[in-house]
Amino acid sequence: MRALSIAKAAANLWDLPRLLTNEGHPVLWYALLWFGYHLAPTPLVLQGISIAIALLAVLVFWLSCPFLRWLKLLFLFSFLPLYEYSVIARNYGISMLLFFVFAAFYGKLRADYAGRWLLAFVLALLANTNVHSAILSGFLTLYWAADSRPTTWSSGKAMTFFMPIGLVATGLGFCLFTVLPDSNSIVMNPTALTTGKLLSALSDSLLHPGRGLNELFTGLPSVGRDILVWLLVLCLALRPLAALLLFAGVVTVTLFFAIGYSGTLRHEGIVWTYLITLYWLVYESNNNQYHKIRNKLHFIGLYGLIACVLLVHVAGSARYIYRDLTVEISSAKSFGRFIASNELYRQAIIIGEPDIRLESLPAYADNRIYLPRAGLFRDYVRLTTENKPELSLGELLDSAKQLRQREKCPVLIALGHFDLAGQPLPYIRTEQYDRKFTWTDAELNDFLTATEKVAEFKSDLKNERYEVYLLQETDRLKP
């Protein structure tokens, strides 16, 4: 929902890069949401676009991928296409689609003049889906360049060869321009990266390429993940360049996990999609001129190792779907129903602390959300120094009172810090990105005097839990 909130906040399409400063994401997904929301102004556009992209991706894979049908079925029912990239991390589904579109058209278009521009356009788009895909689109460009370089050179051939690659480079440059943080970011600090840290992380990624893929290869110990990566690389020996680029891609992305932003399933899944794409490209390029042992290795990698991983992923997909059907994932839907049940609450301003827990609420309620750390109304939290690194309960209550007086409407406070009275000194809670919340006995007494607890939502699986307090029209004394 955060992505849609950012897209809605853009005055026009060209305003998106400004809003994405310090977000760490390229522009493509937000541009799609901007267009979609202006065509159909409803939060449902988020699900509609993501499901359409996921369906298109699996359609391209099913119709174009040369793998045996049983392996394709395993992939389609694994947790990346069936769940993670269609339901949870929707913007990463675009990467899956573009990887597969590139593989589907590669054999037919890699040497054709017009086709080269189409492939370049696909890679330039891929570079603007997420940072991980941008890294891997660069390696796919190297594969394409090596695979289609002219045997003899002329000025015309050089133009035909390099100009489409220049388009990919432009896409990569625009991605870099969009995602690089400035000095206001509280998520990443590029100046904190030293040469020593970089070399240490690089050495670790080279020696242990599977260490950063613990969710992708769930259940395997670290050494087992390393061995699996090496075997998957070895099984691409049919095309040594593809094997080299697979290893380089894994190392570079896991290096980014170590020095930039630690990876979760959605990020690690991009590496898996890249691996599938390389196996696809090598499969189609096999023309029996290679050694029989290399063919057997490729067969073992594809229908042995990859198939085993996909079987685990299918089981994971079933587990995730069952969990979603039986467990409340987020409190936002229940909170939205609670707000809708009362006319007073439907008119209320919502204040949250931690404020980031309310980012999914706009999918279920139209209430204005006020961010006390930033001192403004907005549906999403910018992870920058515009937010106060430390907020007290007294400041939170003062913000609520000022809003009620200024806006002449009720105020609901969604407080995600529980059992404040039972905590021993020091009275401080630390949240993500070292953001602190503090209180005193006097502030807690004032808060309980000025508010009434009207609901609580604490049963969700994600950490979007909070107690909801209504600020009283006139401060009342507690007995």
Protein backbone atom coordinates (compact mmCIF):
# COMPACT_ATOMS: atom_id res chain seq x y z
CA MET A 1 0.00 0.00 0.00
CA ARG A 2 2.96 2.30 0.61
CA ALA A 3 3.79 2.35 -3.11
CA LEU A 4 0.23 3.35 -4.03
CA SER A 5 0.25 6.11 -1.40
CA ILE A 6 3.42 7.54 -2.94
CA ALA A 7 1.97 7.29 -6.46
CA LYS A 8 -1.22 9.06 -5.32
CA ALA A 9 0.84 11.86 -3.77
CA ALA A 10 2.54 12.70 -7.08
CA ALA A 11 1.21 15.88 -8.68
CA ASN A 12 2.03 14.36 -12.07
CA LEU A 13 4.12 11.57 -13.54
CA TRP A 14 7.27 13.70 -13.57
CA ASP A 15 6.91 14.33 -9.85
CA LEU A 16 7.56 10.68 -9.02
CA PRO A 17 11.40 10.80 -9.04
CA ARG A 18 11.28 13.58 -6.45
CA LEU A 19 8.97 11.59 -4.18
CA LEU A 20 11.16 8.51 -4.58
CA THR A 21 14.23 10.22 -3.17
CA ASN A 22 15.54 7.98 -0.35
CA GLU A 23 12.94 5.29 -1.10
CA GLY A 24 15.56 2.98 -2.61
CA HIS A 25 13.26 1.91 -5.46
CA PRO A 26 13.25 2.82 -9.16
CA VAL A 27 10.25 4.43 -10.79
CA LEU A 28 8.56 1.77 -12.96
CA TRP A 29 6.16 0.24 -10.41
CA TYR A 30 5.11 3.66 -9.13
CA ALA A 31 4.50 4.91 -12.67
CA LEU A 32 2.20 1.94 -13.35
CA LEU A 33 0.31 2.64 -10.13
CA TRP A 34 0.06 6.34 -11.01
CA PHE A 35 -1.53 5.54 -14.36
CA GLY A 36 -3.73 2.84 -12.85
CA TYR A 37 -5.01 5.02 -10.02
CA HIS A 38 -5.84 7.88 -12.38
CA LEU A 39 -7.84 5.46 -14.52
CA ALA A 40 -9.56 3.78 -11.55
CA PRO A 41 -9.17 5.77 -8.29
CA THR A 42 -9.52 2.90 -5.83
CA PRO A 43 -7.01 0.95 -3.70
CA LEU A 44 -8.12 -2.15 -5.61
CA VAL A 45 -5.98 -0.97 -8.50
CA LEU A 46 -2.97 -2.22 -6.52
CA GLN A 47 -4.24 -5.80 -6.54
CA GLY A 48 -5.55 -5.52 -10.09
CA ILE A 49 -2.24 -4.42 -11.61
CA SER A 50 -0.17 -6.91 -9.62
CA ILE A 51 -2.40 -9.87 -10.49
CA ALA A 52 -2.43 -8.86 -14.17
CA ILE A 53 1.37 -8.67 -14.22
CA ALA A 54 1.75 -12.02 -12.44
CA LEU A 55 -0.71 -13.70 -14.83
CA LEU A 56 1.09 -12.26 -17.83
CA ALA A 57 4.43 -13.47 -16.46
CA VAL A 58 3.24 -17.04 -15.96
CA LEU A 59 1.56 -16.99 -19.38
CA VAL A 60 4.83 -15.97 -21.06
CA PHE A 61 6.68 -18.64 -19.08
CA TRP A 62 4.18 -21.39 -19.89
CA LEU A 63 3.89 -20.63 -23.60
CA SER A 64 7.52 -19.79 -24.34
CA CYS A 65 9.80 -21.63 -21.93
CA PRO A 66 11.26 -24.82 -23.50
CA PHE A 67 11.43 -26.79 -20.23
CA LEU A 68 9.39 -29.96 -19.82
CA ARG A 69 5.82 -29.32 -18.75
CA TRP A 70 6.11 -30.96 -15.35
CA LEU A 71 8.98 -28.63 -14.42
CA LYS A 72 7.04 -25.61 -15.65
CA LEU A 73 4.08 -26.69 -13.52
CA LEU A 74 6.34 -26.96 -10.48
CA PHE A 75 7.53 -23.41 -11.05
CA LEU A 76 4.03 -22.02 -11.58
CA PHE A 77 2.85 -23.50 -8.28
CA SER A 78 5.94 -22.45 -6.33
CA PHE A 79 5.72 -19.58 -3.85
CA LEU A 80 7.37 -16.90 -5.99
CA PRO A 81 4.84 -16.68 -8.87
CA LEU A 82 1.86 -18.06 -6.95
CA TYR A 83 2.22 -16.04 -3.77
CA GLU A 84 5.21 -13.78 -3.14
CA TYR A 85 5.22 -11.87 -6.45
CA SER A 86 1.46 -11.75 -6.95
CA VAL A 87 0.14 -11.16 -3.43
CA ILE A 88 2.91 -9.79 -1.20
CA ALA A 89 5.81 -8.09 -3.01
CA ARG A 90 3.89 -6.97 -6.04
CA ASN A 91 6.53 -4.73 -7.62
CA TYR A 92 8.91 -7.67 -7.90
CA GLY A 93 6.43 -9.43 -10.17
CA ILE A 94 7.36 -6.94 -12.91
CA SER A 95 10.93 -8.23 -12.71
CA MET A 96 9.71 -11.80 -13.21
CA LEU A 97 7.68 -10.73 -16.24
CA LEU A 98 10.55 -8.82 -17.86
CA PHE A 99 13.11 -11.59 -17.22
CA PHE A 100 10.80 -14.03 -18.99
CA VAL A 101 9.97 -11.65 -21.85
CA PHE A 102 13.70 -11.19 -22.45
CA ALA A 103 14.28 -14.96 -22.49
CA ALA A 104 11.24 -15.59 -24.71
CA PHE A 105 12.37 -13.16 -27.42
CA TYR A 106 16.11 -13.53 -27.05
CA GLY A 107 16.70 -16.34 -29.54
CA LYS A 108 14.63 -14.68 -32.27
CA LEU A 109 15.71 -11.07 -31.80
CA ARG A 110 19.24 -10.94 -30.40
CA ALA A 111 20.86 -10.28 -33.81
CA ASP A 112 17.96 -8.55 -35.57
CA TYR A 113 18.30 -4.74 -35.78
CA ALA A 114 14.78 -3.89 -34.63
CA GLY A 115 14.81 -6.84 -32.26
CA ARG A 116 17.94 -5.56 -30.54
CA TRP A 117 16.13 -2.35 -29.66
CA LEU A 118 13.23 -4.34 -28.23
CA LEU A 119 15.57 -6.45 -26.08
CA ALA A 120 17.36 -3.30 -24.95
CA PHE A 121 14.05 -1.69 -24.02
CA VAL A 122 13.09 -4.75 -21.96
CA LEU A 123 16.42 -4.66 -20.11
CA ALA A 124 16.13 -0.90 -19.53
CA LEU A 125 12.68 -1.45 -18.00
CA LEU A 126 14.03 -4.34 -15.94
CA ALA A 127 16.73 -2.05 -14.56
CA ASN A 128 13.98 0.23 -13.22
CA THR A 129 11.99 -2.37 -11.30
CA ASN A 130 14.31 -2.76 -8.30
CA VAL A 131 18.01 -2.49 -7.52
CA HIS A 132 18.58 -6.26 -7.58
CA SER A 133 17.10 -6.53 -11.07
CA ALA A 134 19.16 -3.55 -12.19
CA ILE A 135 22.32 -5.39 -11.16
CA LEU A 136 21.26 -8.56 -12.96
CA SER A 137 20.07 -6.73 -16.08
CA GLY A 138 23.67 -5.56 -16.44
CA PHE A 139 24.87 -9.17 -16.46
CA LEU A 140 22.19 -10.16 -18.99
CA THR A 141 23.41 -7.30 -21.17
CA LEU A 142 26.95 -8.72 -20.99
CA TYR A 143 25.62 -12.15 -22.00
CA TRP A 144 23.75 -10.63 -24.94
CA ALA A 145 26.73 -8.52 -26.02
CA ALA A 146 29.11 -11.49 -25.98
CA ASP A 147 26.59 -13.69 -27.75
CA SER A 148 25.83 -11.27 -30.60
CA ARG A 149 29.07 -9.39 -31.20
CA PRO A 150 29.98 -9.13 -34.90
CA THR A 151 32.76 -11.33 -36.27
CA THR A 152 33.97 -8.37 -38.33
CA TRP A 153 33.58 -4.72 -37.44
CA SER A 154 32.58 -1.63 -39.40
CA SER A 155 31.19 1.72 -38.35
CA GLY A 156 27.68 0.60 -39.25
CA LYS A 157 27.99 -2.67 -37.33
CA ALA A 158 29.43 -0.82 -34.35
CA MET A 159 26.44 1.54 -34.30
CA THR A 160 24.02 -1.37 -34.58
CA PHE A 161 25.82 -3.18 -31.78
CA PHE A 162 26.43 -0.39 -29.27
CA MET A 163 23.40 1.89 -29.60
CA PRO A 164 20.86 -0.57 -28.10
CA ILE A 165 23.34 -1.32 -25.33
CA GLY A 166 23.49 2.42 -24.74
CA LEU A 167 19.74 2.34 -24.12
CA VAL A 168 20.26 -0.26 -21.39
CA ALA A 169 23.03 1.88 -19.91
CA THR A 170 20.63 4.84 -19.89
CA GLY A 171 18.08 2.76 -18.02
CA LEU A 172 20.71 1.72 -15.49
CA GLY A 173 21.80 5.33 -15.08
CA PHE A 174 18.22 6.48 -14.46
CA CYS A 175 17.81 3.74 -11.87
CA LEU A 176 20.99 4.87 -10.13
CA PHE A 177 19.82 8.49 -10.19
CA THR A 178 16.49 7.49 -8.61
CA VAL A 179 17.69 5.13 -5.89
CA LEU A 180 20.88 6.73 -4.58
CA PRO A 181 20.19 8.07 -1.07
CA ASP A 182 21.19 11.53 0.02
CA SER A 183 22.44 12.69 3.41
CA ASN A 184 18.86 12.75 4.80
CA SER A 185 18.35 8.99 4.60
CA ILE A 186 18.13 7.05 7.87
CA VAL A 187 18.14 3.67 6.08
CA MET A 188 21.43 3.79 4.19
CA ASN A 189 24.53 5.89 4.68
CA PRO A 190 26.94 5.46 1.74
CA THR A 191 29.68 7.36 3.56
CA ALA A 192 29.74 4.67 6.26
CA LEU A 193 31.02 2.08 3.77
CA THR A 194 34.79 1.78 4.02
CA THR A 195 37.14 -0.04 1.66
CA GLY A 196 37.88 -2.56 4.39
CA LYS A 197 34.19 -3.36 4.91
CA LEU A 198 33.64 -3.66 1.15
CA LEU A 199 36.58 -6.04 0.65
CA SER A 200 35.54 -8.14 3.65
CA ALA A 201 31.97 -8.42 2.37
CA LEU A 202 33.18 -9.23 -1.16
CA SER A 203 35.47 -11.96 0.14
CA ASP A 204 32.61 -13.46 2.13
CA SER A 205 30.28 -13.41 -0.89
CA LEU A 206 32.91 -15.07 -3.09
CA LEU A 207 33.67 -17.82 -0.59
CA HIS A 208 30.09 -18.29 0.63
CA PRO A 209 27.75 -17.37 -2.25
CA GLY A 210 24.79 -19.13 -0.65
CA ARG A 211 25.02 -17.46 2.75
CA GLY A 212 22.72 -14.60 1.75
CA LEU A 213 20.09 -16.92 0.22
CA ASN A 214 18.76 -18.52 3.40
CA GLU A 215 15.08 -17.91 2.60
CA LEU A 216 15.36 -19.00 -1.03
CA PHE A 217 17.05 -22.27 -0.08
CA THR A 218 15.17 -22.69 3.17
CA GLY A 219 16.06 -25.67 5.32
CA LEU A 220 19.64 -25.93 4.11
CA PRO A 221 22.55 -24.98 6.37
CA SER A 222 24.93 -22.29 5.17
CA VAL A 223 27.46 -24.77 3.77
CA GLY A 224 24.66 -26.62 1.99
CA ARG A 225 23.52 -23.41 0.32
CA ASP A 226 27.09 -22.70 -0.80
CA ILE A 227 27.40 -26.18 -2.32
CA LEU A 228 24.04 -25.83 -4.07
CA VAL A 229 25.06 -22.52 -5.67
CA TRP A 230 28.35 -24.00 -6.86
CA LEU A 231 26.56 -27.03 -8.33
CA LEU A 232 24.02 -24.84 -10.13
CA VAL A 233 26.89 -22.82 -11.59
CA LEU A 234 28.75 -25.98 -12.62
CA CYS A 235 25.66 -27.34 -14.36
CA LEU A 236 25.74 -24.30 -16.67
CA ALA A 237 29.14 -25.38 -18.03
CA LEU A 238 27.32 -25.99 -21.32
CA ARG A 239 27.82 -22.25 -21.76
CA PRO A 240 30.78 -21.15 -19.62
CA LEU A 241 29.81 -17.49 -20.01
CA ALA A 242 26.37 -18.22 -18.53
CA ALA A 243 28.00 -20.09 -15.62
CA LEU A 244 30.35 -17.18 -14.98
CA LEU A 245 27.52 -14.63 -15.11
CA LEU A 246 25.34 -16.72 -12.80
CA PHE A 247 28.11 -16.80 -10.23
CA ALA A 248 28.83 -13.10 -10.73
CA GLY A 249 25.15 -12.26 -10.32
CA VAL A 250 24.79 -14.26 -7.10
CA VAL A 251 27.97 -12.77 -5.64
CA THR A 252 27.02 -9.19 -6.55
CA VAL A 253 23.48 -9.39 -5.20
CA THR A 254 24.55 -11.08 -1.96
CA LEU A 255 27.28 -8.44 -1.66
CA PHE A 256 24.55 -5.80 -1.92
CA PHE A 257 22.67 -7.64 0.84
CA ALA A 258 25.75 -7.34 3.02
CA ILE A 259 26.65 -3.69 2.41
CA GLY A 260 23.36 -2.16 1.33
CA TYR A 261 20.02 -3.64 2.31
CA SER A 262 19.68 -7.13 3.76
CA GLY A 263 17.67 -9.47 1.56
CA THR A 264 14.34 -11.14 2.25
CA LEU A 265 12.46 -13.72 0.19
CA ARG A 266 11.33 -11.19 -2.42
CA HIS A 267 14.91 -10.01 -3.00
CA GLU A 268 16.44 -13.48 -3.00
CA GLY A 269 13.72 -14.56 -5.42
CA ILE A 270 15.10 -12.17 -8.03
CA VAL A 271 18.32 -14.22 -8.02
CA TRP A 272 16.23 -17.37 -8.56
CA THR A 273 14.35 -15.79 -11.46
CA TYR A 274 17.68 -14.74 -12.99
CA LEU A 275 18.95 -18.31 -12.60
CA ILE A 276 15.85 -19.70 -14.33
CA THR A 277 16.36 -17.17 -17.14
CA LEU A 278 19.98 -18.21 -17.71
CA TYR A 279 19.05 -21.90 -17.76
CA TRP A 280 16.33 -21.01 -20.26
CA LEU A 281 18.76 -19.13 -22.52
CA VAL A 282 21.31 -21.94 -22.41
CA TYR A 283 18.65 -24.57 -23.06
CA GLU A 284 17.57 -22.83 -26.25
CA SER A 285 21.13 -22.21 -27.43
CA ASN A 286 22.18 -25.87 -27.20
CA ASN A 287 22.92 -27.15 -30.72
CA ASN A 288 24.69 -30.43 -29.86
CA GLN A 289 28.15 -29.07 -30.60
CA TYR A 290 29.07 -29.19 -26.95
CA HIS A 291 30.49 -32.08 -25.01
CA LYS A 292 28.03 -34.75 -23.89
CA ILE A 293 29.11 -34.39 -20.27
CA ARG A 294 28.16 -30.70 -20.32
CA ASN A 295 24.75 -31.59 -21.72
CA LYS A 296 24.27 -34.10 -18.91
CA LEU A 297 25.33 -31.53 -16.34
CA HIS A 298 22.77 -29.06 -17.68
CA PHE A 299 20.11 -31.77 -17.57
CA ILE A 300 21.02 -32.61 -13.95
CA GLY A 301 20.98 -28.96 -12.95
CA LEU A 302 17.62 -28.29 -14.57
CA TYR A 303 15.66 -31.46 -13.88
CA GLY A 304 17.50 -32.47 -10.73
CA LEU A 305 18.67 -29.54 -8.62
CA ILE A 306 16.18 -26.91 -9.79
CA ALA A 307 13.32 -29.41 -9.63
CA CYS A 308 14.19 -30.32 -6.02
CA VAL A 309 14.29 -26.65 -5.01
CA LEU A 310 10.93 -26.08 -6.72
CA LEU A 311 9.38 -28.99 -4.83
CA VAL A 312 10.32 -27.25 -1.59
CA HIS A 313 8.94 -23.99 -2.98
CA VAL A 314 5.62 -25.65 -3.86
CA ALA A 315 5.31 -26.91 -0.28
CA GLY A 316 6.13 -23.40 0.92
CA SER A 317 3.46 -21.96 -1.33
CA ALA A 318 0.83 -24.26 0.19
CA ARG A 319 1.99 -23.30 3.68
CA TYR A 320 1.79 -19.58 2.95
CA ILE A 321 -1.67 -19.83 1.40
CA TYR A 322 -2.97 -21.91 4.33
CA ARG A 323 -1.53 -19.36 6.74
CA ASP A 324 -3.27 -16.49 4.94
CA LEU A 325 -6.58 -18.33 5.07
CA THR A 326 -6.36 -19.15 8.77
CA VAL A 327 -4.33 -16.34 10.39
CA GLU A 328 -4.82 -12.57 10.42
CA ILE A 329 -1.78 -11.18 8.61
CA SER A 330 -2.35 -7.47 9.27
CA SER A 331 -4.51 -5.52 11.71
CA ALA A 332 -5.32 -2.88 9.10
CA LYS A 333 -8.42 -4.63 7.76
CA SER A 334 -9.90 -5.12 11.25
CA PHE A 335 -9.06 -1.54 12.19
CA GLY A 336 -10.73 -0.35 8.99
CA ARG A 337 -13.90 -2.27 9.84
CA PHE A 338 -13.85 -0.81 13.33
CA ILE A 339 -13.60 2.73 11.94
CA ALA A 340 -16.41 2.08 9.45
CA SER A 341 -18.70 0.86 12.24
CA ASN A 342 -18.97 4.28 13.92
CA GLU A 343 -19.79 7.65 12.37
CA LEU A 344 -17.59 9.43 14.92
CA TYR A 345 -14.59 7.30 13.99
CA ARG A 346 -15.19 7.76 10.27
CA GLN A 347 -14.62 11.49 10.77
CA ALA A 348 -11.53 11.04 12.94
CA ILE A 349 -7.92 11.89 12.25
CA ILE A 350 -5.63 8.91 12.92
CA ILE A 351 -2.29 9.31 14.67
CA GLY A 352 0.05 6.35 14.90
CA GLU A 353 3.14 5.55 16.93
CA PRO A 354 5.09 3.79 15.57
CA ASP A 355 3.72 5.65 12.57
CA ILE A 356 4.94 3.12 10.02
CA ARG A 357 2.41 0.56 11.28
CA LEU A 358 -0.44 2.55 9.75
CA GLU A 359 0.86 2.54 6.17
CA SER A 360 -1.52 -0.25 5.11
CA LEU A 361 -4.60 1.39 6.70
CA PRO A 362 -5.48 3.57 3.64
CA ALA A 363 -6.47 0.37 1.83
CA TYR A 364 -9.39 -0.01 4.26
CA ALA A 365 -10.19 3.50 5.54
CA ASP A 366 -10.27 7.00 4.06
CA ASN A 367 -9.33 8.80 7.28
CA ARG A 368 -6.57 11.36 7.24
CA ILE A 369 -3.37 10.14 8.87
CA TYR A 370 -1.15 12.53 10.81
CA LEU A 371 2.54 11.79 11.36
CA PRO A 372 3.62 13.37 14.67
CA ARG A 373 7.33 12.78 14.07
CA ALA A 374 7.15 14.72 10.78
CA GLY A 375 4.41 17.15 11.86
CA LEU A 376 2.22 16.71 8.78
CA PHE A 377 -0.59 14.73 7.15
CA ARG A 378 0.59 11.89 4.91
CA ASP A 379 -0.32 8.25 4.26
CA TYR A 380 3.26 6.99 4.30
CA VAL A 381 6.42 7.61 6.31
CA ARG A 382 9.55 8.97 4.67
CA LEU A 383 12.56 7.31 6.28
CA THR A 384 14.60 10.49 6.44
CA THR A 385 15.81 13.02 8.97
CA GLU A 386 12.56 14.99 8.52
CA ASN A 387 11.20 12.63 11.18
CA LYS A 388 12.11 13.23 14.80
CA PRO A 389 14.42 10.43 15.93
CA GLU A 390 12.90 10.61 19.41
CA LEU A 391 9.25 11.17 20.34
CA SER A 392 7.74 11.29 23.82
CA LEU A 393 4.26 10.28 24.91
CA GLY A 394 3.70 13.87 26.02
CA GLU A 395 4.55 15.18 22.54
CA LEU A 396 2.22 12.60 21.00
CA LEU A 397 -0.64 13.74 23.25
CA ASP A 398 0.09 17.42 22.57
CA SER A 399 -0.04 16.76 18.81
CA ALA A 400 -3.41 15.05 19.20
CA LYS A 401 -4.84 17.94 21.25
CA GLN A 402 -3.59 20.54 18.78
CA LEU A 403 -5.13 18.61 15.89
CA ARG A 404 -8.49 18.32 17.63
CA GLN A 405 -8.54 22.03 18.34
CA ARG A 406 -7.34 23.07 14.87
CA GLU A 407 -9.26 20.59 12.72
CA LYS A 408 -12.44 20.42 14.86
CA CYS A 409 -12.77 16.66 14.51
CA PRO A 410 -12.18 13.54 16.63
CA VAL A 411 -8.68 12.10 17.00
CA LEU A 412 -7.86 8.40 17.31
CA ILE A 413 -4.40 7.44 18.54
CA ALA A 414 -3.12 4.02 17.44
CA LEU A 415 -0.42 3.26 19.99
CA GLY A 416 1.81 0.28 19.23
CA HIS A 417 3.78 0.43 22.49
CA PHE A 418 2.04 -1.81 25.00
CA ASP A 419 2.17 -2.15 28.79
CA LEU A 420 3.96 1.13 29.37
CA ALA A 421 2.98 1.15 33.05
CA GLY A 422 4.62 -2.22 33.63
CA GLN A 423 8.03 -1.38 32.19
CA PRO A 424 10.90 -0.69 34.60
CA LEU A 425 13.25 2.23 34.06
CA PRO A 426 14.44 3.51 31.66
CA TYR A 427 11.14 4.38 29.99
CA ILE A 428 12.23 3.99 26.40
CA ARG A 429 11.34 1.79 23.42
CA THR A 430 13.53 1.56 20.33
CA GLU A 431 11.99 0.83 16.94
CA GLN A 432 13.41 0.12 13.50
CA TYR A 433 16.11 2.53 12.28
CA ASP A 434 16.92 3.44 15.89
CA ARG A 435 13.80 5.57 16.32
CA LYS A 436 13.01 6.00 20.00
CA PHE A 437 9.80 6.47 21.98
CA THR A 438 9.97 7.70 25.59
CA TRP A 439 7.59 8.55 28.42
CA THR A 440 7.48 9.53 32.06
CA ASP A 441 5.04 8.55 34.79
CA ALA A 442 3.45 12.00 34.56
CA GLU A 443 3.08 11.78 30.77
CA LEU A 444 1.51 8.33 31.03
CA ASN A 445 -0.96 9.56 33.65
CA ASP A 446 -1.86 12.59 31.49
CA PHE A 447 -2.35 10.34 28.46
CA LEU A 448 -4.64 7.91 30.29
CA THR A 449 -6.60 10.83 31.73
CA ALA A 450 -7.11 12.53 28.37
CA THR A 451 -7.98 9.41 26.35
CA GLU A 452 -10.26 6.42 26.37
CA LYS A 453 -9.17 3.05 25.06
CA VAL A 454 -11.79 2.00 22.51
CA ALA A 455 -10.18 -1.00 20.77
CA GLU A 456 -7.08 -3.11 20.43
CA PHE A 457 -5.68 -5.11 17.53
CA LYS A 458 -2.94 -7.47 18.65
CA SER A 459 -3.53 -10.80 16.93
CA ASP A 460 -1.99 -10.21 13.49
CA LEU A 461 1.04 -12.08 12.21
CA LYS A 462 2.87 -8.98 11.04
CA ASN A 463 3.92 -6.32 13.51
CA GLU A 464 1.00 -3.98 12.77
CA ARG A 465 -0.49 -4.24 16.24
CA TYR A 466 -1.81 -1.33 18.24
CA GLU A 467 -4.20 -0.19 20.95
CA VAL A 468 -6.60 2.52 19.83
CA TYR A 469 -7.38 5.47 22.08
CA LEU A 470 -9.98 8.18 21.50
CA LEU A 471 -8.94 11.64 22.62
CA GLN A 472 -11.71 12.96 24.88
CA GLU A 473 -13.53 16.17 24.00
CA THR A 474 -12.70 17.51 27.46
CA ASP A 475 -9.96 16.03 29.57
CA ARG A 476 -11.57 13.99 32.30
CA LEU A 477 -10.23 12.82 35.61
CA LYS A 478 -9.84 9.13 36.17
CA PRO A 479 -11.15 7.77 39.47
